[in-house]
Amino acid sequence: MKRFFSKLLSKSHSKDSSEEKSEQKSKYMPKVVAPVEERFTIEFNNNGGKFLYCENSLEIEENFDMILERNHWIQSEMLCFDSTLAKRFEKESLSITKTNLNATFFLTPCEYLVAQNGGLLISANQIQSHKLQDLPKNFVVFATTSQITETLSDGLKGIKEKYAKNIPSNITTIKHFNQDSDQEDFLTYGSTAKNLYLLLLEDL
């Protein structure tokens, strides 16, 4: 799957005759199922998320700097509960807090990326005991391609297997990335839309 997203993103910038040709194929041909990575990307973008694919650590840093500059967050306060992640993304101009829920943005990892609905599966390991609506409106999420899973059920199963002896509480999904979204399910009930950036590192 190496560089899959590079190819996917390059395709998204232009349309060619292959799309028209595909429409001419027999209606009796079996439906081609897109790769799980492509399905996640499509659903995530449809949800209003901002997707930034990174092939290496340098691109992670460059894209993070771009997010700060574009949103005028260069000199702001960043909420981050994960000490390792906070150290990786620390900047002299950023003030890092673990307590101020009114910080400019929230930097966090996640448990899984769900292709089925383009959502991000998180737990108390990322947001502690807080509700999504109590956290900053702006999210920057760091994840890797190996965290992409087919369905929500697969993600929940993965959490149970990973934390077999200590399953985390407060498991929920984030899939509301714009104010116009009105879809809810039992894992997103009561949540509010987030302005969300996903820094996705290729690790497969």
N, C-alpha and C. Protein backbone atom coordinates (compact mmCIF):
# COMPACT_ATOMS: atom_id res chain seq x y z
N MET A 1 0.82 -1.20 0.00
CA MET A 1 0.00 0.00 0.00
C MET A 1 0.86 1.26 0.00
N LYS A 2 2.19 1.08 0.01
CA LYS A 2 3.08 2.23 0.06
C LYS A 2 2.77 3.21 -1.05
N ARG A 3 2.69 4.48 -0.69
CA ARG A 3 2.41 5.58 -1.61
C ARG A 3 1.02 5.48 -2.25
N PHE A 4 0.16 4.68 -1.67
CA PHE A 4 -1.21 4.58 -2.20
C PHE A 4 -1.87 5.94 -2.25
N PHE A 5 -1.73 6.69 -1.17
CA PHE A 5 -2.41 7.96 -1.09
C PHE A 5 -1.84 8.98 -2.07
N SER A 6 -0.56 8.86 -2.39
CA SER A 6 0.02 9.75 -3.38
C SER A 6 -0.68 9.57 -4.71
N LYS A 7 -0.91 8.33 -5.06
CA LYS A 7 -1.60 8.02 -6.31
C LYS A 7 -3.06 8.47 -6.23
N LEU A 8 -3.68 8.23 -5.09
CA LEU A 8 -5.08 8.58 -4.93
C LEU A 8 -5.29 10.08 -5.04
N LEU A 9 -4.43 10.84 -4.38
CA LEU A 9 -4.58 12.28 -4.39
C LEU A 9 -4.30 12.86 -5.76
N SER A 10 -3.37 12.28 -6.50
CA SER A 10 -3.08 12.78 -7.83
C SER A 10 -4.24 12.53 -8.77
N LYS A 11 -4.96 11.43 -8.54
CA LYS A 11 -6.12 11.13 -9.37
C LYS A 11 -7.25 12.10 -9.09
N SER A 12 -7.36 12.56 -7.86
CA SER A 12 -8.48 13.42 -7.48
C SER A 12 -8.40 14.79 -8.10
N HIS A 13 -7.23 15.17 -8.62
CA HIS A 13 -7.08 16.51 -9.18
C HIS A 13 -7.51 16.60 -10.64
N SER A 14 -7.71 15.46 -11.28
CA SER A 14 -8.09 15.50 -12.69
C SER A 14 -8.95 14.31 -13.07
N LYS A 15 -9.83 14.51 -14.04
CA LYS A 15 -10.68 13.43 -14.53
C LYS A 15 -10.22 13.09 -15.94
N ASP A 16 -10.26 11.81 -16.26
CA ASP A 16 -9.89 11.41 -17.61
C ASP A 16 -10.99 10.56 -18.21
N SER A 17 -10.73 10.08 -19.40
CA SER A 17 -11.75 9.33 -20.12
C SER A 17 -12.06 7.99 -19.49
N SER A 18 -11.24 7.54 -18.53
CA SER A 18 -11.47 6.24 -17.91
C SER A 18 -12.81 6.23 -17.18
N GLU A 19 -13.23 7.39 -16.64
CA GLU A 19 -14.52 7.46 -15.96
C GLU A 19 -15.65 7.23 -16.94
N GLU A 20 -15.53 7.84 -18.12
CA GLU A 20 -16.57 7.66 -19.12
C GLU A 20 -16.60 6.23 -19.63
N LYS A 21 -15.40 5.65 -19.78
CA LYS A 21 -15.34 4.27 -20.27
C LYS A 21 -15.98 3.32 -19.26
N SER A 22 -15.76 3.60 -17.97
CA SER A 22 -16.30 2.71 -16.95
C SER A 22 -17.82 2.69 -16.97
N GLU A 23 -18.41 3.84 -17.34
CA GLU A 23 -19.87 3.93 -17.40
C GLU A 23 -20.44 3.10 -18.54
N GLN A 24 -19.59 2.82 -19.52
CA GLN A 24 -20.04 2.08 -20.69
C GLN A 24 -19.94 0.56 -20.49
N LYS A 25 -19.32 0.15 -19.35
CA LYS A 25 -19.18 -1.28 -19.10
C LYS A 25 -20.55 -1.91 -18.85
N SER A 26 -20.62 -3.17 -19.08
CA SER A 26 -21.88 -3.88 -18.91
C SER A 26 -22.41 -3.74 -17.50
N LYS A 27 -23.72 -3.55 -17.41
CA LYS A 27 -24.34 -3.41 -16.10
C LYS A 27 -24.33 -4.73 -15.34
N TYR A 28 -23.96 -5.81 -16.05
CA TYR A 28 -23.93 -7.12 -15.40
C TYR A 28 -22.56 -7.43 -14.80
N MET A 29 -21.60 -6.56 -15.03
CA MET A 29 -20.28 -6.76 -14.45
C MET A 29 -20.36 -6.57 -12.94
N PRO A 30 -19.63 -7.38 -12.17
CA PRO A 30 -19.66 -7.22 -10.71
C PRO A 30 -19.12 -5.86 -10.29
N LYS A 31 -19.71 -5.29 -9.26
CA LYS A 31 -19.30 -3.97 -8.77
C LYS A 31 -17.92 -4.04 -8.15
N VAL A 32 -17.07 -3.11 -8.55
CA VAL A 32 -15.71 -3.07 -8.03
C VAL A 32 -15.71 -2.32 -6.70
N VAL A 33 -15.19 -2.96 -5.66
CA VAL A 33 -15.12 -2.33 -4.34
C VAL A 33 -13.79 -1.61 -4.21
N ALA A 34 -13.85 -0.33 -3.90
CA ALA A 34 -12.64 0.48 -3.76
C ALA A 34 -11.85 0.03 -2.55
N PRO A 35 -10.53 0.21 -2.56
CA PRO A 35 -9.70 -0.13 -1.41
C PRO A 35 -10.17 0.61 -0.16
N VAL A 36 -9.94 0.03 1.00
CA VAL A 36 -10.41 0.61 2.25
C VAL A 36 -9.85 2.01 2.48
N GLU A 37 -8.60 2.24 2.04
CA GLU A 37 -7.99 3.56 2.21
C GLU A 37 -8.74 4.62 1.41
N GLU A 38 -9.12 4.25 0.20
CA GLU A 38 -9.84 5.18 -0.67
C GLU A 38 -11.23 5.46 -0.12
N ARG A 39 -11.90 4.44 0.38
CA ARG A 39 -13.24 4.62 0.93
C ARG A 39 -13.21 5.52 2.17
N PHE A 40 -12.19 5.35 3.01
CA PHE A 40 -12.09 6.22 4.17
C PHE A 40 -11.89 7.67 3.74
N THR A 41 -10.98 7.88 2.80
CA THR A 41 -10.67 9.24 2.34
C THR A 41 -11.91 9.92 1.78
N ILE A 42 -12.68 9.20 0.98
CA ILE A 42 -13.89 9.77 0.37
C ILE A 42 -14.91 10.14 1.45
N GLU A 43 -15.15 9.22 2.37
CA GLU A 43 -16.15 9.48 3.42
C GLU A 43 -15.68 10.59 4.36
N PHE A 44 -14.40 10.60 4.67
CA PHE A 44 -13.85 11.64 5.56
C PHE A 44 -14.00 13.01 4.92
N ASN A 45 -13.68 13.12 3.64
CA ASN A 45 -13.84 14.39 2.93
C ASN A 45 -15.30 14.79 2.83
N ASN A 46 -16.18 13.82 2.60
CA ASN A 46 -17.62 14.11 2.54
C ASN A 46 -18.15 14.65 3.87
N ASN A 47 -17.52 14.22 4.95
CA ASN A 47 -17.92 14.70 6.28
C ASN A 47 -17.42 16.12 6.56
N GLY A 48 -16.56 16.62 5.68
CA GLY A 48 -16.05 17.97 5.87
C GLY A 48 -14.68 18.04 6.50
N GLY A 49 -14.03 16.88 6.69
CA GLY A 49 -12.70 16.86 7.29
C GLY A 49 -11.63 17.35 6.33
N LYS A 50 -10.53 17.81 6.88
CA LYS A 50 -9.40 18.29 6.09
C LYS A 50 -8.27 17.28 6.21
N PHE A 51 -7.95 16.65 5.09
CA PHE A 51 -7.06 15.50 5.05
C PHE A 51 -5.68 15.91 4.54
N LEU A 52 -4.63 15.60 5.33
CA LEU A 52 -3.27 15.92 4.93
C LEU A 52 -2.42 14.65 5.01
N TYR A 53 -2.11 14.10 3.86
CA TYR A 53 -1.32 12.87 3.80
C TYR A 53 0.16 13.18 3.91
N CYS A 54 0.87 12.40 4.72
CA CYS A 54 2.30 12.63 4.96
C CYS A 54 3.08 11.33 4.74
N GLU A 55 4.11 11.39 3.93
CA GLU A 55 4.93 10.22 3.67
C GLU A 55 6.03 10.03 4.70
N ASN A 56 6.39 11.10 5.41
CA ASN A 56 7.49 11.01 6.37
C ASN A 56 7.35 12.10 7.44
N SER A 57 8.28 12.08 8.40
CA SER A 57 8.22 13.03 9.52
C SER A 57 8.38 14.47 9.06
N LEU A 58 9.17 14.69 8.02
CA LEU A 58 9.36 16.05 7.53
C LEU A 58 8.04 16.63 7.02
N GLU A 59 7.28 15.83 6.29
CA GLU A 59 6.00 16.30 5.76
C GLU A 59 4.99 16.52 6.88
N ILE A 60 5.09 15.75 7.94
CA ILE A 60 4.23 15.97 9.10
C ILE A 60 4.47 17.35 9.67
N GLU A 61 5.75 17.67 9.86
CA GLU A 61 6.12 18.97 10.43
C GLU A 61 5.70 20.11 9.51
N GLU A 62 5.93 19.94 8.20
CA GLU A 62 5.56 20.97 7.24
C GLU A 62 4.06 21.21 7.22
N ASN A 63 3.28 20.13 7.24
CA ASN A 63 1.83 20.27 7.21
C ASN A 63 1.28 20.85 8.51
N PHE A 64 1.90 20.50 9.62
CA PHE A 64 1.47 21.06 10.90
C PHE A 64 1.74 22.57 10.92
N ASP A 65 2.90 22.96 10.43
CA ASP A 65 3.23 24.39 10.35
C ASP A 65 2.25 25.12 9.44
N MET A 66 1.85 24.47 8.35
CA MET A 66 0.90 25.07 7.43
C MET A 66 -0.46 25.29 8.09
N ILE A 67 -0.89 24.32 8.91
CA ILE A 67 -2.16 24.45 9.63
C ILE A 67 -2.10 25.64 10.58
N LEU A 68 -0.99 25.76 11.31
CA LEU A 68 -0.85 26.87 12.26
C LEU A 68 -0.87 28.21 11.54
N GLU A 69 -0.16 28.28 10.42
CA GLU A 69 -0.08 29.54 9.68
C GLU A 69 -1.41 29.90 9.05
N ARG A 70 -2.06 28.94 8.42
CA ARG A 70 -3.32 29.21 7.72
C ARG A 70 -4.41 29.68 8.66
N ASN A 71 -4.40 29.15 9.89
CA ASN A 71 -5.45 29.48 10.84
C ASN A 71 -5.04 30.55 11.85
N HIS A 72 -3.84 31.09 11.68
CA HIS A 72 -3.31 32.11 12.59
C HIS A 72 -3.21 31.57 14.02
N TRP A 73 -2.71 30.33 14.12
CA TRP A 73 -2.53 29.68 15.43
C TRP A 73 -1.06 29.65 15.85
N ILE A 74 -0.22 30.35 15.15
CA ILE A 74 1.23 30.28 15.42
C ILE A 74 1.54 30.66 16.86
N GLN A 75 0.87 31.66 17.37
CA GLN A 75 1.02 32.05 18.77
C GLN A 75 -0.31 31.84 19.47
N SER A 76 -0.52 30.63 19.92
CA SER A 76 -1.80 30.28 20.54
C SER A 76 -1.58 29.20 21.58
N GLU A 77 -2.67 28.78 22.21
CA GLU A 77 -2.60 27.73 23.22
C GLU A 77 -3.14 26.43 22.66
N MET A 78 -2.38 25.36 22.85
CA MET A 78 -2.74 24.04 22.33
C MET A 78 -3.03 23.09 23.48
N LEU A 79 -4.21 22.49 23.46
CA LEU A 79 -4.58 21.47 24.44
C LEU A 79 -4.09 20.12 23.95
N CYS A 80 -3.36 19.40 24.79
CA CYS A 80 -2.88 18.07 24.40
C CYS A 80 -2.68 17.24 25.67
N PHE A 81 -3.39 16.12 25.76
CA PHE A 81 -3.28 15.25 26.92
C PHE A 81 -2.15 14.23 26.78
N ASP A 82 -1.68 14.04 25.56
CA ASP A 82 -0.65 13.04 25.26
C ASP A 82 0.73 13.70 25.30
N SER A 83 1.52 13.39 26.32
CA SER A 83 2.83 14.03 26.51
C SER A 83 3.79 13.75 25.36
N THR A 84 3.78 12.51 24.85
CA THR A 84 4.66 12.15 23.74
C THR A 84 4.31 12.95 22.49
N LEU A 85 3.02 13.08 22.22
CA LEU A 85 2.57 13.82 21.04
C LEU A 85 2.87 15.31 21.21
N ALA A 86 2.66 15.82 22.40
CA ALA A 86 2.93 17.23 22.66
C ALA A 86 4.40 17.56 22.43
N LYS A 87 5.27 16.66 22.84
CA LYS A 87 6.71 16.87 22.64
C LYS A 87 7.06 16.83 21.16
N ARG A 88 6.43 15.95 20.42
CA ARG A 88 6.72 15.82 18.99
C ARG A 88 6.33 17.08 18.22
N PHE A 89 5.26 17.73 18.65
CA PHE A 89 4.74 18.89 17.91
C PHE A 89 4.99 20.22 18.64
N GLU A 90 5.85 20.22 19.62
CA GLU A 90 6.07 21.44 20.38
C GLU A 90 6.73 22.52 19.53
N LYS A 91 6.32 23.76 19.77
CA LYS A 91 6.86 24.94 19.09
C LYS A 91 7.10 26.02 20.14
N GLU A 92 8.12 26.81 19.93
CA GLU A 92 8.41 27.88 20.88
C GLU A 92 7.24 28.85 21.01
N SER A 93 6.52 29.04 19.92
CA SER A 93 5.42 30.01 19.93
C SER A 93 4.12 29.44 20.49
N LEU A 94 4.06 28.10 20.68
CA LEU A 94 2.85 27.48 21.18
C LEU A 94 2.90 27.29 22.69
N SER A 95 1.81 27.59 23.33
CA SER A 95 1.67 27.33 24.76
C SER A 95 0.88 26.04 24.90
N ILE A 96 1.44 25.04 25.56
CA ILE A 96 0.80 23.73 25.67
C ILE A 96 0.15 23.57 27.04
N THR A 97 -1.11 23.14 27.04
CA THR A 97 -1.85 22.95 28.28
C THR A 97 -2.50 21.57 28.31
N LYS A 98 -2.69 21.04 29.51
CA LYS A 98 -3.42 19.79 29.69
C LYS A 98 -4.73 20.03 30.44
N THR A 99 -5.01 21.28 30.75
CA THR A 99 -6.18 21.58 31.57
C THR A 99 -7.15 22.59 30.97
N ASN A 100 -6.68 23.48 30.13
CA ASN A 100 -7.54 24.53 29.59
C ASN A 100 -8.36 24.03 28.40
N LEU A 101 -9.62 23.73 28.64
CA LEU A 101 -10.49 23.23 27.57
C LEU A 101 -10.91 24.32 26.60
N ASN A 102 -10.53 25.56 26.91
CA ASN A 102 -10.84 26.68 26.02
C ASN A 102 -9.63 27.07 25.17
N ALA A 103 -8.66 26.17 25.06
CA ALA A 103 -7.49 26.44 24.22
C ALA A 103 -7.93 26.61 22.77
N THR A 104 -7.03 27.17 21.95
CA THR A 104 -7.37 27.43 20.55
C THR A 104 -7.65 26.15 19.79
N PHE A 105 -6.84 25.12 20.01
CA PHE A 105 -7.08 23.84 19.33
C PHE A 105 -6.62 22.68 20.17
N PHE A 106 -7.10 21.50 19.81
CA PHE A 106 -6.82 20.26 20.53
C PHE A 106 -6.00 19.34 19.63
N LEU A 107 -4.82 18.94 20.08
CA LEU A 107 -3.97 18.00 19.35
C LEU A 107 -4.11 16.64 20.00
N THR A 108 -4.41 15.62 19.19
CA THR A 108 -4.67 14.30 19.77
C THR A 108 -4.40 13.17 18.77
N PRO A 109 -4.06 11.99 19.26
CA PRO A 109 -4.06 10.80 18.41
C PRO A 109 -5.49 10.25 18.39
N CYS A 110 -5.69 9.07 17.83
CA CYS A 110 -7.00 8.42 17.86
C CYS A 110 -6.80 6.92 17.92
N GLU A 111 -7.88 6.19 18.07
CA GLU A 111 -7.78 4.73 18.11
C GLU A 111 -7.79 4.14 16.69
N TYR A 112 -8.81 4.50 15.92
CA TYR A 112 -8.95 3.97 14.56
C TYR A 112 -9.60 4.99 13.64
N LEU A 113 -9.39 4.80 12.34
CA LEU A 113 -10.04 5.57 11.29
C LEU A 113 -11.00 4.61 10.59
N VAL A 114 -12.28 4.97 10.51
CA VAL A 114 -13.31 4.04 10.04
C VAL A 114 -13.73 4.36 8.61
N ALA A 115 -13.45 3.44 7.69
CA ALA A 115 -13.77 3.65 6.29
C ALA A 115 -15.27 3.71 6.04
N GLN A 116 -16.03 2.97 6.82
CA GLN A 116 -17.48 2.87 6.64
C GLN A 116 -18.17 4.23 6.69
N ASN A 117 -17.75 5.09 7.61
CA ASN A 117 -18.42 6.38 7.76
C ASN A 117 -17.46 7.56 7.75
N GLY A 118 -16.17 7.31 7.50
CA GLY A 118 -15.22 8.40 7.48
C GLY A 118 -14.99 9.03 8.84
N GLY A 119 -15.31 8.30 9.90
CA GLY A 119 -15.19 8.82 11.25
C GLY A 119 -13.90 8.41 11.93
N LEU A 120 -13.62 9.05 13.06
CA LEU A 120 -12.45 8.76 13.87
C LEU A 120 -12.93 8.18 15.20
N LEU A 121 -12.43 7.02 15.55
CA LEU A 121 -12.82 6.34 16.78
C LEU A 121 -11.82 6.71 17.87
N ILE A 122 -12.33 7.25 18.98
CA ILE A 122 -11.47 7.68 20.07
C ILE A 122 -12.02 7.14 21.39
N SER A 123 -11.22 7.29 22.44
CA SER A 123 -11.63 6.79 23.75
C SER A 123 -11.04 7.69 24.84
N ALA A 124 -11.19 7.25 26.08
CA ALA A 124 -10.65 8.01 27.20
C ALA A 124 -9.13 8.13 27.11
N ASN A 125 -8.50 7.26 26.35
CA ASN A 125 -7.05 7.36 26.16
C ASN A 125 -6.67 8.66 25.46
N GLN A 126 -7.60 9.22 24.69
CA GLN A 126 -7.34 10.47 23.98
C GLN A 126 -8.04 11.67 24.63
N ILE A 127 -9.28 11.50 25.08
CA ILE A 127 -10.05 12.65 25.57
C ILE A 127 -10.36 12.57 27.06
N GLN A 128 -9.77 11.58 27.73
CA GLN A 128 -9.99 11.38 29.16
C GLN A 128 -11.49 11.21 29.43
N SER A 129 -12.02 11.93 30.40
CA SER A 129 -13.44 11.78 30.72
C SER A 129 -14.30 12.88 30.11
N HIS A 130 -13.70 13.70 29.27
CA HIS A 130 -14.40 14.85 28.71
C HIS A 130 -15.36 14.46 27.58
N LYS A 131 -16.42 15.22 27.44
CA LYS A 131 -17.34 15.08 26.32
C LYS A 131 -16.78 15.88 25.15
N LEU A 132 -17.10 15.45 23.94
CA LEU A 132 -16.59 16.14 22.76
C LEU A 132 -16.98 17.61 22.74
N GLN A 133 -18.20 17.91 23.15
CA GLN A 133 -18.66 19.30 23.10
C GLN A 133 -17.94 20.20 24.09
N ASP A 134 -17.25 19.60 25.07
CA ASP A 134 -16.50 20.39 26.04
C ASP A 134 -15.07 20.70 25.59
N LEU A 135 -14.63 20.06 24.52
CA LEU A 135 -13.29 20.25 24.00
C LEU A 135 -13.29 21.36 22.94
N PRO A 136 -12.12 21.91 22.61
CA PRO A 136 -12.06 22.99 21.62
C PRO A 136 -12.72 22.61 20.30
N LYS A 137 -13.23 23.60 19.61
CA LYS A 137 -13.87 23.36 18.31
C LYS A 137 -12.87 22.86 17.28
N ASN A 138 -11.62 23.33 17.39
CA ASN A 138 -10.59 22.99 16.42
C ASN A 138 -9.79 21.76 16.87
N PHE A 139 -9.76 20.74 16.02
CA PHE A 139 -9.02 19.51 16.29
C PHE A 139 -7.91 19.33 15.26
N VAL A 140 -6.74 18.89 15.72
CA VAL A 140 -5.69 18.40 14.83
C VAL A 140 -5.39 16.97 15.29
N VAL A 141 -5.67 16.00 14.44
CA VAL A 141 -5.53 14.59 14.80
C VAL A 141 -4.36 13.97 14.05
N PHE A 142 -3.51 13.27 14.79
CA PHE A 142 -2.38 12.56 14.17
C PHE A 142 -2.70 11.07 14.18
N ALA A 143 -2.58 10.44 13.00
CA ALA A 143 -2.84 9.01 12.88
C ALA A 143 -1.96 8.41 11.80
N THR A 144 -1.97 7.09 11.69
CA THR A 144 -1.18 6.40 10.67
C THR A 144 -2.10 5.53 9.81
N THR A 145 -1.63 5.18 8.63
CA THR A 145 -2.46 4.40 7.70
C THR A 145 -2.81 3.02 8.26
N SER A 146 -1.98 2.48 9.16
CA SER A 146 -2.27 1.16 9.73
C SER A 146 -3.46 1.20 10.67
N GLN A 147 -3.94 2.39 11.02
CA GLN A 147 -5.10 2.52 11.90
C GLN A 147 -6.43 2.53 11.14
N ILE A 148 -6.38 2.48 9.82
CA ILE A 148 -7.61 2.47 9.03
C ILE A 148 -8.27 1.09 9.13
N THR A 149 -9.54 1.06 9.45
CA THR A 149 -10.28 -0.18 9.57
C THR A 149 -11.56 -0.10 8.75
N GLU A 150 -12.11 -1.25 8.40
CA GLU A 150 -13.27 -1.30 7.53
C GLU A 150 -14.52 -0.68 8.16
N THR A 151 -14.90 -1.18 9.32
CA THR A 151 -16.17 -0.78 9.94
C THR A 151 -15.97 -0.34 11.38
N LEU A 152 -17.01 0.26 11.93
CA LEU A 152 -16.99 0.66 13.33
C LEU A 152 -16.85 -0.56 14.22
N SER A 153 -17.52 -1.64 13.85
CA SER A 153 -17.43 -2.88 14.63
C SER A 153 -16.00 -3.40 14.67
N ASP A 154 -15.29 -3.30 13.53
CA ASP A 154 -13.89 -3.73 13.48
C ASP A 154 -13.04 -2.89 14.42
N GLY A 155 -13.33 -1.59 14.46
CA GLY A 155 -12.58 -0.70 15.34
C GLY A 155 -12.82 -1.02 16.80
N LEU A 156 -14.08 -1.27 17.16
CA LEU A 156 -14.41 -1.62 18.53
C LEU A 156 -13.77 -2.96 18.93
N LYS A 157 -13.74 -3.89 17.99
CA LYS A 157 -13.10 -5.17 18.24
C LYS A 157 -11.61 -4.98 18.45
N GLY A 158 -11.01 -4.09 17.65
CA GLY A 158 -9.59 -3.81 17.78
C GLY A 158 -9.25 -3.22 19.14
N ILE A 159 -10.11 -2.34 19.63
CA ILE A 159 -9.90 -1.74 20.95
C ILE A 159 -9.96 -2.82 22.03
N LYS A 160 -10.91 -3.73 21.93
CA LYS A 160 -11.05 -4.79 22.93
C LYS A 160 -9.84 -5.72 22.92
N GLU A 161 -9.31 -5.98 21.73
CA GLU A 161 -8.14 -6.85 21.63
C GLU A 161 -6.87 -6.15 22.12
N LYS A 162 -6.75 -4.88 21.81
CA LYS A 162 -5.56 -4.12 22.18
C LYS A 162 -5.48 -3.87 23.68
N TYR A 163 -6.65 -3.60 24.28
CA TYR A 163 -6.69 -3.30 25.71
C TYR A 163 -7.47 -4.38 26.46
N ALA A 164 -7.18 -5.62 26.16
CA ALA A 164 -7.95 -6.74 26.70
C ALA A 164 -8.13 -6.70 28.21
N LYS A 165 -7.08 -6.30 28.92
CA LYS A 165 -7.13 -6.30 30.37
C LYS A 165 -7.60 -4.98 30.97
N ASN A 166 -7.72 -3.96 30.13
CA ASN A 166 -8.12 -2.65 30.64
C ASN A 166 -8.78 -1.84 29.53
N ILE A 167 -9.98 -2.25 29.12
CA ILE A 167 -10.69 -1.58 28.03
C ILE A 167 -11.04 -0.15 28.44
N PRO A 168 -10.67 0.84 27.64
CA PRO A 168 -10.92 2.23 28.01
C PRO A 168 -12.40 2.58 27.98
N SER A 169 -12.75 3.58 28.75
CA SER A 169 -14.12 4.09 28.76
C SER A 169 -14.23 5.24 27.76
N ASN A 170 -15.40 5.85 27.73
CA ASN A 170 -15.63 7.05 26.91
C ASN A 170 -15.30 6.84 25.43
N ILE A 171 -15.64 5.66 24.91
CA ILE A 171 -15.42 5.37 23.48
C ILE A 171 -16.48 6.08 22.65
N THR A 172 -16.04 6.81 21.64
CA THR A 172 -16.97 7.56 20.80
C THR A 172 -16.35 7.77 19.42
N THR A 173 -17.14 8.25 18.49
CA THR A 173 -16.62 8.56 17.17
C THR A 173 -16.82 10.04 16.87
N ILE A 174 -15.88 10.59 16.12
CA ILE A 174 -16.01 11.95 15.61
C ILE A 174 -16.25 11.84 14.12
N LYS A 175 -17.37 12.32 13.64
CA LYS A 175 -17.58 12.33 12.19
C LYS A 175 -18.37 13.57 11.75
N HIS A 176 -18.48 14.53 12.65
CA HIS A 176 -19.14 15.79 12.33
C HIS A 176 -18.05 16.85 12.16
N PHE A 177 -17.70 17.15 10.92
CA PHE A 177 -16.61 18.07 10.65
C PHE A 177 -17.07 19.39 10.04
N ASN A 178 -18.38 19.61 10.04
CA ASN A 178 -18.90 20.90 9.59
C ASN A 178 -20.25 21.15 10.25
N GLN A 179 -20.64 22.41 10.32
CA GLN A 179 -21.84 22.79 11.04
C GLN A 179 -23.13 22.32 10.37
N ASP A 180 -23.04 21.93 9.10
CA ASP A 180 -24.25 21.53 8.38
C ASP A 180 -24.61 20.07 8.58
N SER A 181 -23.68 19.31 9.19
CA SER A 181 -23.91 17.88 9.36
C SER A 181 -24.95 17.64 10.45
N ASP A 182 -25.96 16.80 10.16
CA ASP A 182 -27.00 16.52 11.15
C ASP A 182 -27.15 15.02 11.40
N GLN A 183 -26.18 14.22 10.95
CA GLN A 183 -26.25 12.78 11.14
C GLN A 183 -25.76 12.44 12.55
N GLU A 184 -26.47 11.53 13.20
CA GLU A 184 -26.07 11.10 14.53
C GLU A 184 -26.29 9.60 14.66
N ASP A 185 -25.52 8.97 15.55
CA ASP A 185 -25.76 7.59 15.92
C ASP A 185 -25.46 7.47 17.41
N PHE A 186 -25.55 6.26 17.94
CA PHE A 186 -25.43 6.12 19.39
C PHE A 186 -24.04 6.47 19.91
N LEU A 187 -23.04 6.51 19.02
CA LEU A 187 -21.69 6.87 19.44
C LEU A 187 -21.39 8.34 19.21
N THR A 188 -22.28 9.08 18.56
CA THR A 188 -22.02 10.50 18.32
C THR A 188 -23.12 11.39 18.90
N TYR A 189 -24.08 10.78 19.59
CA TYR A 189 -25.18 11.56 20.14
C TYR A 189 -24.66 12.65 21.08
N GLY A 190 -25.14 13.86 20.89
CA GLY A 190 -24.76 14.96 21.75
C GLY A 190 -23.45 15.64 21.37
N SER A 191 -22.80 15.19 20.31
CA SER A 191 -21.53 15.79 19.90
C SER A 191 -21.79 17.04 19.07
N THR A 192 -20.76 17.85 18.95
CA THR A 192 -20.87 19.05 18.13
C THR A 192 -19.85 18.98 17.00
N ALA A 193 -20.10 19.73 15.94
CA ALA A 193 -19.21 19.71 14.79
C ALA A 193 -17.84 20.25 15.16
N LYS A 194 -16.80 19.64 14.60
CA LYS A 194 -15.44 20.07 14.85
C LYS A 194 -14.77 20.50 13.54
N ASN A 195 -13.95 21.52 13.64
CA ASN A 195 -13.10 21.91 12.52
C ASN A 195 -11.87 21.04 12.62
N LEU A 196 -11.82 19.96 11.84
CA LEU A 196 -10.84 18.91 12.07
C LEU A 196 -9.85 18.72 10.93
N TYR A 197 -8.57 18.71 11.30
CA TYR A 197 -7.48 18.39 10.38
C TYR A 197 -6.93 17.02 10.75
N LEU A 198 -6.70 16.19 9.75
CA LEU A 198 -6.11 14.87 9.97
C LEU A 198 -4.73 14.82 9.33
N LEU A 199 -3.71 14.66 10.16
CA LEU A 199 -2.34 14.42 9.68
C LEU A 199 -2.15 12.92 9.64
N LEU A 200 -2.13 12.36 8.42
CA LEU A 200 -2.07 10.89 8.28
C LEU A 200 -0.70 10.48 7.75
N LEU A 201 0.02 9.72 8.56
CA LEU A 201 1.37 9.26 8.21
C LEU A 201 1.33 7.88 7.59
N GLU A 202 1.98 7.72 6.46
CA GLU A 202 2.11 6.42 5.80
C GLU A 202 3.06 5.54 6.61
N ASP A 203 2.56 4.41 7.10
CA ASP A 203 3.44 3.52 7.87
C ASP A 203 3.32 2.06 7.41
N LEU A 204 2.75 1.84 6.23
CA LEU A 204 2.64 0.48 5.69
C LEU A 204 3.40 0.37 4.38
